[in-house]
Amino acid sequence: MTEHDAISAAIQATAYRVVSEALTNVARHAHPTAPVRVWATQRDGQLDIVVANDLSIPATPTRATGSGAGLASLRARVEALDGTMRAGAEDGSWRVHVTLPIN
């Protein structure tokens, strides 16, 4: 069995959803040229996913503002799998950081 086989379908689907929603938020709210980083790490029975975009470039004022319902529903999905989620400004970037148990 490989490391990828050990991750359940529910965790895989949630990981996909985390990255998808975070990138959608970057497209909606960040400056169009702001760099974005996505990384995932599997260790010690957990999957860590981080999506971060640079805040040093101010967002374009005309960018759409949302209700925040996307992050709230994402948080509910993560917590339903006993995971944790943080979203907010950190170290000069806006980050969504999710940790999901894979054991």
N, C-alpha and C. Protein backbone atom coordinates (compact mmCIF):
# COMPACT_ATOMS: atom_id res chain seq x y z
N MET A 1 0.85 -1.17 0.00
CA MET A 1 0.00 0.00 0.00
C MET A 1 0.90 1.24 0.00
N THR A 2 0.61 2.20 -0.87
CA THR A 2 1.38 3.44 -0.90
C THR A 2 0.76 4.45 0.06
N GLU A 3 1.47 5.54 0.30
CA GLU A 3 0.93 6.59 1.18
C GLU A 3 -0.37 7.14 0.62
N HIS A 4 -0.48 7.24 -0.71
CA HIS A 4 -1.69 7.81 -1.31
C HIS A 4 -2.90 6.88 -1.12
N ASP A 5 -2.67 5.58 -1.10
CA ASP A 5 -3.76 4.63 -0.90
C ASP A 5 -4.33 4.72 0.51
N ALA A 6 -3.52 5.18 1.47
CA ALA A 6 -3.93 5.23 2.87
C ALA A 6 -4.93 6.35 3.15
N ILE A 7 -5.09 7.27 2.23
CA ILE A 7 -5.99 8.40 2.45
C ILE A 7 -7.38 8.04 1.93
N SER A 8 -8.38 8.15 2.80
CA SER A 8 -9.75 7.77 2.42
C SER A 8 -10.31 8.70 1.34
N ALA A 9 -11.33 8.22 0.68
CA ALA A 9 -12.00 9.01 -0.36
C ALA A 9 -12.58 10.30 0.22
N ALA A 10 -13.10 10.25 1.44
CA ALA A 10 -13.67 11.45 2.07
C ALA A 10 -12.59 12.50 2.33
N ILE A 11 -11.43 12.06 2.78
CA ILE A 11 -10.32 13.00 3.02
C ILE A 11 -9.82 13.55 1.70
N GLN A 12 -9.70 12.71 0.69
CA GLN A 12 -9.26 13.18 -0.63
C GLN A 12 -10.22 14.22 -1.19
N ALA A 13 -11.51 13.95 -1.09
CA ALA A 13 -12.51 14.89 -1.60
C ALA A 13 -12.46 16.21 -0.85
N THR A 14 -12.27 16.15 0.46
CA THR A 14 -12.20 17.37 1.26
C THR A 14 -10.92 18.14 0.93
N ALA A 15 -9.81 17.45 0.76
CA ALA A 15 -8.56 18.11 0.39
C ALA A 15 -8.72 18.84 -0.94
N TYR A 16 -9.35 18.19 -1.91
CA TYR A 16 -9.61 18.82 -3.20
C TYR A 16 -10.47 20.07 -3.03
N ARG A 17 -11.51 19.95 -2.21
CA ARG A 17 -12.43 21.06 -1.97
C ARG A 17 -11.72 22.24 -1.30
N VAL A 18 -10.83 21.94 -0.35
CA VAL A 18 -10.06 22.99 0.34
C VAL A 18 -9.25 23.79 -0.67
N VAL A 19 -8.49 23.10 -1.50
CA VAL A 19 -7.64 23.78 -2.48
C VAL A 19 -8.50 24.54 -3.48
N SER A 20 -9.56 23.91 -3.96
CA SER A 20 -10.44 24.55 -4.93
C SER A 20 -11.07 25.83 -4.38
N GLU A 21 -11.63 25.77 -3.18
CA GLU A 21 -12.28 26.94 -2.57
C GLU A 21 -11.26 28.04 -2.28
N ALA A 22 -10.09 27.66 -1.77
CA ALA A 22 -9.07 28.66 -1.46
C ALA A 22 -8.59 29.36 -2.73
N LEU A 23 -8.38 28.61 -3.80
CA LEU A 23 -7.96 29.23 -5.06
C LEU A 23 -9.06 30.10 -5.67
N THR A 24 -10.31 29.68 -5.50
CA THR A 24 -11.43 30.51 -5.96
C THR A 24 -11.44 31.83 -5.21
N ASN A 25 -11.19 31.77 -3.90
CA ASN A 25 -11.15 33.01 -3.10
C ASN A 25 -10.00 33.91 -3.52
N VAL A 26 -8.86 33.33 -3.84
CA VAL A 26 -7.73 34.12 -4.33
C VAL A 26 -8.14 34.82 -5.62
N ALA A 27 -8.75 34.10 -6.54
CA ALA A 27 -9.17 34.68 -7.81
C ALA A 27 -10.18 35.81 -7.61
N ARG A 28 -11.04 35.69 -6.62
CA ARG A 28 -12.07 36.70 -6.37
C ARG A 28 -11.53 37.92 -5.62
N HIS A 29 -10.61 37.70 -4.68
CA HIS A 29 -10.28 38.76 -3.74
C HIS A 29 -8.86 39.31 -3.82
N ALA A 30 -7.92 38.56 -4.33
CA ALA A 30 -6.53 39.01 -4.34
C ALA A 30 -6.23 39.80 -5.61
N HIS A 31 -5.12 40.50 -5.58
CA HIS A 31 -4.65 41.18 -6.78
C HIS A 31 -4.34 40.12 -7.84
N PRO A 32 -4.67 40.39 -9.11
CA PRO A 32 -4.49 39.37 -10.15
C PRO A 32 -3.05 38.87 -10.32
N THR A 33 -2.07 39.67 -9.91
CA THR A 33 -0.68 39.23 -10.07
C THR A 33 -0.05 38.75 -8.76
N ALA A 34 -0.84 38.66 -7.70
CA ALA A 34 -0.30 38.20 -6.41
C ALA A 34 0.09 36.73 -6.52
N PRO A 35 1.32 36.39 -6.12
CA PRO A 35 1.71 34.98 -6.16
C PRO A 35 0.90 34.14 -5.17
N VAL A 36 0.66 32.90 -5.54
CA VAL A 36 -0.08 31.96 -4.70
C VAL A 36 0.79 30.70 -4.54
N ARG A 37 0.81 30.19 -3.31
CA ARG A 37 1.53 28.94 -3.03
C ARG A 37 0.54 27.93 -2.47
N VAL A 38 0.66 26.68 -2.92
CA VAL A 38 -0.16 25.59 -2.42
C VAL A 38 0.78 24.46 -2.06
N TRP A 39 0.63 23.94 -0.84
CA TRP A 39 1.42 22.77 -0.48
C TRP A 39 0.64 21.87 0.44
N ALA A 40 0.98 20.59 0.34
CA ALA A 40 0.34 19.58 1.18
C ALA A 40 1.44 18.67 1.72
N THR A 41 1.29 18.31 2.98
CA THR A 41 2.26 17.45 3.65
C THR A 41 1.51 16.36 4.39
N GLN A 42 1.96 15.14 4.21
CA GLN A 42 1.37 14.00 4.93
C GLN A 42 2.43 13.46 5.88
N ARG A 43 2.11 13.47 7.19
CA ARG A 43 3.02 12.89 8.18
C ARG A 43 2.29 12.74 9.51
N ASP A 44 2.77 11.81 10.28
CA ASP A 44 2.24 11.57 11.62
C ASP A 44 0.72 11.42 11.64
N GLY A 45 0.19 10.74 10.62
CA GLY A 45 -1.25 10.47 10.59
C GLY A 45 -2.10 11.67 10.25
N GLN A 46 -1.49 12.71 9.67
CA GLN A 46 -2.24 13.92 9.32
C GLN A 46 -1.88 14.39 7.92
N LEU A 47 -2.83 15.04 7.30
CA LEU A 47 -2.61 15.71 6.03
C LEU A 47 -2.76 17.20 6.29
N ASP A 48 -1.69 17.95 6.07
CA ASP A 48 -1.71 19.42 6.20
C ASP A 48 -1.77 20.02 4.81
N ILE A 49 -2.69 20.94 4.63
CA ILE A 49 -2.84 21.65 3.35
C ILE A 49 -2.79 23.14 3.65
N VAL A 50 -1.96 23.85 2.89
CA VAL A 50 -1.87 25.30 3.04
C VAL A 50 -1.97 25.94 1.67
N VAL A 51 -2.83 26.94 1.56
CA VAL A 51 -2.92 27.77 0.37
C VAL A 51 -2.69 29.20 0.85
N ALA A 52 -1.67 29.86 0.28
CA ALA A 52 -1.30 31.21 0.73
C ALA A 52 -1.08 32.12 -0.45
N ASN A 53 -1.60 33.33 -0.35
CA ASN A 53 -1.31 34.33 -1.38
C ASN A 53 -0.70 35.57 -0.72
N ASP A 54 0.17 36.20 -1.45
CA ASP A 54 0.95 37.34 -0.99
C ASP A 54 0.05 38.55 -0.76
N LEU A 55 0.14 39.15 0.42
CA LEU A 55 -0.66 40.35 0.73
C LEU A 55 0.11 41.64 0.47
N SER A 56 1.36 41.55 0.02
CA SER A 56 2.14 42.77 -0.19
C SER A 56 1.63 43.57 -1.38
N ILE A 57 0.88 42.92 -2.26
CA ILE A 57 0.26 43.61 -3.40
C ILE A 57 -1.20 43.82 -3.04
N PRO A 58 -1.61 45.09 -2.89
CA PRO A 58 -3.00 45.34 -2.48
C PRO A 58 -4.01 44.77 -3.47
N ALA A 59 -5.12 44.30 -2.96
CA ALA A 59 -6.19 43.78 -3.80
C ALA A 59 -6.77 44.91 -4.64
N THR A 60 -7.25 44.55 -5.81
CA THR A 60 -7.90 45.53 -6.67
C THR A 60 -9.23 45.93 -6.04
N PRO A 61 -9.47 47.25 -5.85
CA PRO A 61 -10.69 47.68 -5.17
C PRO A 61 -11.99 47.20 -5.80
N THR A 62 -11.98 46.92 -7.08
CA THR A 62 -13.22 46.50 -7.74
C THR A 62 -13.48 45.00 -7.63
N ARG A 63 -12.60 44.28 -7.01
CA ARG A 63 -12.80 42.83 -6.87
C ARG A 63 -14.04 42.56 -6.04
N ALA A 64 -14.72 41.50 -6.37
CA ALA A 64 -15.97 41.16 -5.67
C ALA A 64 -15.70 40.82 -4.21
N THR A 65 -16.62 41.19 -3.37
CA THR A 65 -16.54 40.78 -1.97
C THR A 65 -17.63 39.74 -1.75
N GLY A 66 -17.32 38.75 -0.97
CA GLY A 66 -18.27 37.66 -0.77
C GLY A 66 -18.87 37.69 0.62
N SER A 67 -19.72 36.73 0.87
CA SER A 67 -20.41 36.63 2.15
C SER A 67 -19.58 35.88 3.18
N GLY A 68 -18.54 35.19 2.73
CA GLY A 68 -17.76 34.35 3.64
C GLY A 68 -18.39 32.98 3.83
N ALA A 69 -19.48 32.70 3.12
CA ALA A 69 -20.16 31.41 3.26
C ALA A 69 -19.29 30.27 2.75
N GLY A 70 -18.43 30.53 1.78
CA GLY A 70 -17.55 29.49 1.25
C GLY A 70 -16.61 28.98 2.32
N LEU A 71 -15.98 29.88 3.07
CA LEU A 71 -15.08 29.46 4.14
C LEU A 71 -15.85 28.79 5.27
N ALA A 72 -17.05 29.27 5.58
CA ALA A 72 -17.85 28.66 6.65
C ALA A 72 -18.24 27.24 6.28
N SER A 73 -18.64 27.02 5.05
CA SER A 73 -19.03 25.66 4.65
C SER A 73 -17.80 24.76 4.57
N LEU A 74 -16.68 25.32 4.16
CA LEU A 74 -15.44 24.56 4.14
C LEU A 74 -15.03 24.14 5.55
N ARG A 75 -15.14 25.08 6.49
CA ARG A 75 -14.82 24.77 7.89
C ARG A 75 -15.71 23.64 8.41
N ALA A 76 -16.99 23.69 8.09
CA ALA A 76 -17.93 22.64 8.54
C ALA A 76 -17.54 21.29 7.95
N ARG A 77 -17.15 21.27 6.69
CA ARG A 77 -16.74 20.02 6.04
C ARG A 77 -15.49 19.45 6.70
N VAL A 78 -14.52 20.33 7.00
CA VAL A 78 -13.27 19.91 7.64
C VAL A 78 -13.54 19.39 9.06
N GLU A 79 -14.34 20.12 9.82
CA GLU A 79 -14.63 19.72 11.20
C GLU A 79 -15.45 18.43 11.26
N ALA A 80 -16.26 18.15 10.24
CA ALA A 80 -17.03 16.90 10.20
C ALA A 80 -16.10 15.68 10.11
N LEU A 81 -14.87 15.91 9.64
CA LEU A 81 -13.88 14.83 9.56
C LEU A 81 -12.86 14.93 10.70
N ASP A 82 -13.22 15.67 11.75
CA ASP A 82 -12.35 15.87 12.91
C ASP A 82 -11.07 16.61 12.56
N GLY A 83 -11.14 17.46 11.55
CA GLY A 83 -9.99 18.27 11.16
C GLY A 83 -10.09 19.67 11.74
N THR A 84 -9.07 20.46 11.48
CA THR A 84 -9.06 21.86 11.92
C THR A 84 -8.77 22.75 10.73
N MET A 85 -9.24 24.00 10.82
CA MET A 85 -9.01 24.96 9.76
C MET A 85 -8.75 26.33 10.35
N ARG A 86 -7.74 27.00 9.81
CA ARG A 86 -7.47 28.40 10.13
C ARG A 86 -7.46 29.17 8.82
N ALA A 87 -8.03 30.35 8.84
CA ALA A 87 -7.99 31.22 7.66
C ALA A 87 -7.79 32.63 8.13
N GLY A 88 -6.83 33.32 7.53
CA GLY A 88 -6.59 34.70 7.89
C GLY A 88 -5.20 35.14 7.51
N ALA A 89 -4.91 36.39 7.84
CA ALA A 89 -3.60 36.96 7.54
C ALA A 89 -2.55 36.37 8.47
N GLU A 90 -1.41 35.98 7.88
CA GLU A 90 -0.32 35.39 8.65
C GLU A 90 0.98 35.54 7.86
N ASP A 91 2.00 36.11 8.47
CA ASP A 91 3.32 36.24 7.85
C ASP A 91 3.27 36.89 6.47
N GLY A 92 2.50 37.97 6.32
CA GLY A 92 2.45 38.70 5.06
C GLY A 92 1.65 38.05 3.96
N SER A 93 0.87 37.03 4.32
CA SER A 93 0.02 36.39 3.31
C SER A 93 -1.33 36.07 3.92
N TRP A 94 -2.30 35.85 3.06
CA TRP A 94 -3.59 35.33 3.49
C TRP A 94 -3.48 33.82 3.33
N ARG A 95 -3.77 33.09 4.40
CA ARG A 95 -3.60 31.64 4.38
C ARG A 95 -4.87 30.90 4.77
N VAL A 96 -5.07 29.81 4.10
CA VAL A 96 -6.03 28.81 4.54
C VAL A 96 -5.18 27.60 4.89
N HIS A 97 -5.25 27.17 6.15
CA HIS A 97 -4.45 26.04 6.62
C HIS A 97 -5.39 25.01 7.22
N VAL A 98 -5.40 23.84 6.62
CA VAL A 98 -6.28 22.76 7.05
C VAL A 98 -5.44 21.56 7.46
N THR A 99 -5.81 20.95 8.57
CA THR A 99 -5.20 19.71 9.00
C THR A 99 -6.30 18.66 9.12
N LEU A 100 -6.09 17.53 8.43
CA LEU A 100 -7.07 16.44 8.43
C LEU A 100 -6.41 15.17 8.93
N PRO A 101 -7.09 14.43 9.82
CA PRO A 101 -6.54 13.14 10.27
C PRO A 101 -6.71 12.11 9.16
N ILE A 102 -5.70 11.29 8.95
CA ILE A 102 -5.81 10.28 7.90
C ILE A 102 -5.73 8.86 8.44
N ASN A 103 -5.67 8.71 9.75
CA ASN A 103 -5.65 7.37 10.34
C ASN A 103 -7.05 6.85 10.53
